[in-house]
């Protein structure tokens, strides 16, 4: 039986403010996904919700190892801002 998908929200304080990322186990290896910063509308609560969504996708088997398709990022550029 495969390990249950687990993960964590990472917060980093940098020159441009606070950024959020996810680190989680999927498909037998550790994955890292940068979400964005406070300028992009990311908060700790929103990042935790996204982690839950990503882990649910992993449990459902959505996506393939090495592909980021189901793990979408929302940025100002993609919203046309």
N, C-alpha and C. Protein backbone atom coordinates (compact mmCIF):
# COMPACT_ATOMS: atom_id res chain seq x y z
N UNK A 1 0.85 -1.19 0.00
CA UNK A 1 0.00 0.00 0.00
C UNK A 1 0.89 1.24 0.00
N UNK A 2 0.56 2.21 -0.82
CA UNK A 2 1.33 3.45 -0.94
C UNK A 2 1.14 4.33 0.29
N UNK A 3 2.14 5.17 0.54
CA UNK A 3 2.04 6.11 1.64
C UNK A 3 0.93 7.11 1.37
N UNK A 4 0.30 7.55 2.44
CA UNK A 4 -0.72 8.58 2.31
C UNK A 4 -0.05 9.90 1.95
N UNK A 5 -0.68 10.65 1.08
CA UNK A 5 -0.14 11.94 0.67
C UNK A 5 -0.16 12.90 1.87
N UNK A 6 0.99 13.50 2.14
CA UNK A 6 1.09 14.48 3.22
C UNK A 6 1.81 15.70 2.69
N UNK A 7 1.67 16.82 3.38
CA UNK A 7 2.34 18.01 2.91
C UNK A 7 2.33 19.11 3.94
N UNK A 8 2.94 20.23 3.56
CA UNK A 8 3.04 21.39 4.44
C UNK A 8 3.04 22.67 3.62
N UNK A 9 2.58 23.73 4.26
CA UNK A 9 2.63 25.06 3.66
C UNK A 9 3.91 25.72 4.16
N UNK A 10 4.68 26.29 3.23
CA UNK A 10 5.91 27.00 3.58
C UNK A 10 5.70 28.49 3.36
N UNK A 11 6.13 29.30 4.32
CA UNK A 11 6.08 30.76 4.21
C UNK A 11 7.50 31.26 4.23
N UNK A 12 7.81 32.15 3.32
CA UNK A 12 9.15 32.75 3.30
C UNK A 12 9.02 34.26 3.20
N UNK A 13 9.82 34.92 4.01
CA UNK A 13 9.86 36.37 4.00
C UNK A 13 11.07 36.78 3.15
N UNK A 14 10.84 37.56 2.11
CA UNK A 14 11.92 37.97 1.21
C UNK A 14 11.88 39.46 0.94
N UNK A 15 12.71 39.89 0.00
CA UNK A 15 12.78 41.31 -0.36
C UNK A 15 11.44 41.84 -0.83
N UNK A 16 10.70 41.00 -1.53
CA UNK A 16 9.42 41.43 -2.12
C UNK A 16 8.22 41.07 -1.26
N UNK A 17 8.45 40.70 -0.02
CA UNK A 17 7.35 40.36 0.88
C UNK A 17 7.27 38.87 1.14
N UNK A 18 6.16 38.44 1.63
CA UNK A 18 5.95 37.05 2.00
C UNK A 18 5.46 36.23 0.80
N UNK A 19 6.05 35.06 0.63
CA UNK A 19 5.62 34.14 -0.43
C UNK A 19 5.22 32.82 0.19
N UNK A 20 4.37 32.10 -0.53
CA UNK A 20 3.85 30.82 -0.05
C UNK A 20 4.17 29.73 -1.06
N UNK A 21 4.44 28.55 -0.53
CA UNK A 21 4.73 27.39 -1.36
C UNK A 21 4.22 26.15 -0.65
N UNK A 22 4.08 25.07 -1.41
CA UNK A 22 3.66 23.79 -0.84
C UNK A 22 4.78 22.78 -1.02
N UNK A 23 4.99 21.96 -0.02
CA UNK A 23 5.88 20.81 -0.14
C UNK A 23 5.04 19.61 0.25
N UNK A 24 5.02 18.60 -0.63
CA UNK A 24 4.18 17.44 -0.37
C UNK A 24 4.77 16.21 -1.04
N UNK A 25 4.36 15.05 -0.55
CA UNK A 25 4.77 13.78 -1.13
C UNK A 25 3.70 13.34 -2.12
N UNK A 26 4.15 12.99 -3.31
CA UNK A 26 3.24 12.50 -4.34
C UNK A 26 4.00 11.59 -5.28
N UNK A 27 3.41 10.50 -5.64
CA UNK A 27 3.98 9.59 -6.62
C UNK A 27 5.36 9.09 -6.21
N UNK A 28 5.54 8.88 -4.90
CA UNK A 28 6.77 8.31 -4.39
C UNK A 28 7.93 9.28 -4.23
N UNK A 29 7.68 10.57 -4.38
CA UNK A 29 8.77 11.54 -4.19
C UNK A 29 8.22 12.85 -3.64
N UNK A 30 9.14 13.70 -3.16
CA UNK A 30 8.74 15.00 -2.64
C UNK A 30 8.58 15.99 -3.77
N UNK A 31 7.51 16.71 -3.72
CA UNK A 31 7.21 17.74 -4.72
C UNK A 31 7.22 19.10 -4.05
N UNK A 32 7.53 20.13 -4.81
CA UNK A 32 7.54 21.50 -4.32
C UNK A 32 6.78 22.36 -5.32
N UNK A 33 5.85 23.16 -4.83
CA UNK A 33 5.04 23.99 -5.71
C UNK A 33 4.96 25.40 -5.15
N UNK A 34 5.49 26.36 -5.87
CA UNK A 34 5.40 27.76 -5.45
C UNK A 34 4.03 28.30 -5.82
N UNK A 35 3.35 28.90 -4.85
CA UNK A 35 2.01 29.43 -5.10
C UNK A 35 2.07 30.90 -5.52
N UNK A 36 2.75 31.72 -4.74
CA UNK A 36 2.83 33.14 -5.03
C UNK A 36 2.97 33.92 -3.74
N UNK A 37 2.90 35.22 -3.87
CA UNK A 37 3.09 36.09 -2.72
C UNK A 37 1.83 36.81 -2.31
N UNK A 38 1.99 37.62 -1.27
CA UNK A 38 0.85 38.41 -0.80
C UNK A 38 0.38 39.39 -1.87
N UNK A 39 1.30 39.83 -2.74
CA UNK A 39 0.92 40.71 -3.85
C UNK A 39 0.00 40.01 -4.83
N UNK A 40 0.09 38.69 -4.88
CA UNK A 40 -0.76 37.89 -5.77
C UNK A 40 -2.06 37.47 -5.10
N UNK A 41 -2.26 37.91 -3.86
CA UNK A 41 -3.48 37.58 -3.15
C UNK A 41 -3.40 36.33 -2.29
N UNK A 42 -2.20 35.76 -2.11
CA UNK A 42 -2.06 34.55 -1.31
C UNK A 42 -1.97 34.88 0.17
N UNK A 43 -2.68 34.10 0.97
CA UNK A 43 -2.63 34.19 2.42
C UNK A 43 -2.34 32.80 2.96
N UNK A 44 -2.04 32.73 4.25
CA UNK A 44 -1.79 31.42 4.86
C UNK A 44 -3.03 30.54 4.72
N UNK A 45 -4.20 31.09 4.98
CA UNK A 45 -5.44 30.31 4.89
C UNK A 45 -5.68 29.80 3.47
N UNK A 46 -5.44 30.66 2.48
CA UNK A 46 -5.64 30.25 1.08
C UNK A 46 -4.63 29.17 0.68
N UNK A 47 -3.39 29.30 1.16
CA UNK A 47 -2.36 28.30 0.87
C UNK A 47 -2.70 26.96 1.51
N UNK A 48 -3.24 26.97 2.72
CA UNK A 48 -3.65 25.72 3.37
C UNK A 48 -4.79 25.06 2.63
N UNK A 49 -5.73 25.86 2.14
CA UNK A 49 -6.83 25.31 1.34
C UNK A 49 -6.29 24.70 0.04
N UNK A 50 -5.34 25.37 -0.60
CA UNK A 50 -4.76 24.83 -1.83
C UNK A 50 -4.01 23.53 -1.56
N UNK A 51 -3.34 23.44 -0.41
CA UNK A 51 -2.67 22.19 -0.04
C UNK A 51 -3.68 21.06 0.08
N UNK A 52 -4.81 21.32 0.72
CA UNK A 52 -5.87 20.30 0.83
C UNK A 52 -6.33 19.86 -0.56
N UNK A 53 -6.50 20.82 -1.47
CA UNK A 53 -6.95 20.51 -2.83
C UNK A 53 -5.92 19.68 -3.59
N UNK A 54 -4.65 20.05 -3.45
CA UNK A 54 -3.59 19.31 -4.14
C UNK A 54 -3.50 17.88 -3.60
N UNK A 55 -3.56 17.73 -2.28
CA UNK A 55 -3.49 16.39 -1.69
C UNK A 55 -4.69 15.54 -2.11
N UNK A 56 -5.85 16.17 -2.24
CA UNK A 56 -7.03 15.44 -2.71
C UNK A 56 -6.83 14.98 -4.15
N UNK A 57 -6.25 15.83 -4.99
CA UNK A 57 -5.95 15.44 -6.37
C UNK A 57 -4.97 14.28 -6.42
N UNK A 58 -3.97 14.31 -5.56
CA UNK A 58 -2.99 13.22 -5.50
C UNK A 58 -3.68 11.92 -5.09
N UNK A 59 -4.55 11.99 -4.08
CA UNK A 59 -5.27 10.78 -3.63
C UNK A 59 -6.15 10.22 -4.74
N UNK A 60 -6.75 11.11 -5.55
CA UNK A 60 -7.61 10.68 -6.66
C UNK A 60 -6.81 10.17 -7.85
N UNK A 61 -5.50 10.42 -7.84
CA UNK A 61 -4.66 9.99 -8.94
C UNK A 61 -4.73 10.90 -10.15
N UNK A 62 -5.16 12.14 -9.94
CA UNK A 62 -5.22 13.10 -11.04
C UNK A 62 -3.82 13.57 -11.38
N UNK A 63 -3.54 13.70 -12.64
CA UNK A 63 -2.21 14.11 -13.07
C UNK A 63 -1.27 12.92 -13.09
N UNK A 64 -0.12 13.12 -13.67
CA UNK A 64 0.88 12.07 -13.74
C UNK A 64 2.16 12.56 -13.08
N UNK A 65 2.99 11.65 -12.63
CA UNK A 65 4.24 12.07 -12.01
C UNK A 65 5.04 12.98 -12.95
N UNK A 66 5.53 14.07 -12.39
CA UNK A 66 6.34 15.00 -13.18
C UNK A 66 5.54 16.06 -13.91
N UNK A 67 4.23 15.92 -13.98
CA UNK A 67 3.40 16.93 -14.65
C UNK A 67 2.70 17.80 -13.62
N UNK A 68 2.61 19.06 -13.91
CA UNK A 68 1.99 20.01 -12.98
C UNK A 68 0.58 20.39 -13.40
N UNK A 69 0.01 19.73 -14.37
CA UNK A 69 -1.28 20.16 -14.92
C UNK A 69 -2.37 20.35 -13.87
N UNK A 70 -2.63 19.39 -12.97
CA UNK A 70 -3.73 19.62 -12.04
C UNK A 70 -3.41 20.63 -10.95
N UNK A 71 -2.15 21.00 -10.80
CA UNK A 71 -1.75 21.91 -9.75
C UNK A 71 -1.60 23.31 -10.34
N UNK A 72 -2.74 23.98 -10.51
CA UNK A 72 -2.76 25.29 -11.16
C UNK A 72 -2.30 26.39 -10.21
N UNK A 73 -1.73 27.41 -10.79
CA UNK A 73 -1.35 28.59 -10.03
C UNK A 73 -2.17 29.78 -10.52
N UNK A 74 -2.61 30.58 -9.63
CA UNK A 74 -3.35 31.78 -10.00
C UNK A 74 -2.45 32.99 -9.80
N UNK A 75 -2.14 33.68 -10.88
CA UNK A 75 -1.30 34.86 -10.78
C UNK A 75 -2.01 36.04 -11.40
N UNK A 76 -1.49 37.21 -11.16
CA UNK A 76 -2.08 38.41 -11.74
C UNK A 76 -2.06 38.35 -13.26
N UNK A 77 -0.97 37.81 -13.83
CA UNK A 77 -0.87 37.74 -15.28
C UNK A 77 -1.94 36.84 -15.86
N UNK A 78 -2.23 35.72 -15.21
CA UNK A 78 -3.22 34.80 -15.76
C UNK A 78 -4.64 35.36 -15.62
N UNK A 79 -4.82 36.29 -14.68
CA UNK A 79 -6.13 36.90 -14.51
C UNK A 79 -6.28 38.15 -15.36
N UNK A 80 -5.21 38.52 -16.08
CA UNK A 80 -5.29 39.68 -16.94
C UNK A 80 -5.16 41.00 -16.22
N UNK A 81 -4.59 40.98 -15.00
CA UNK A 81 -4.44 42.22 -14.23
C UNK A 81 -3.15 42.89 -14.59
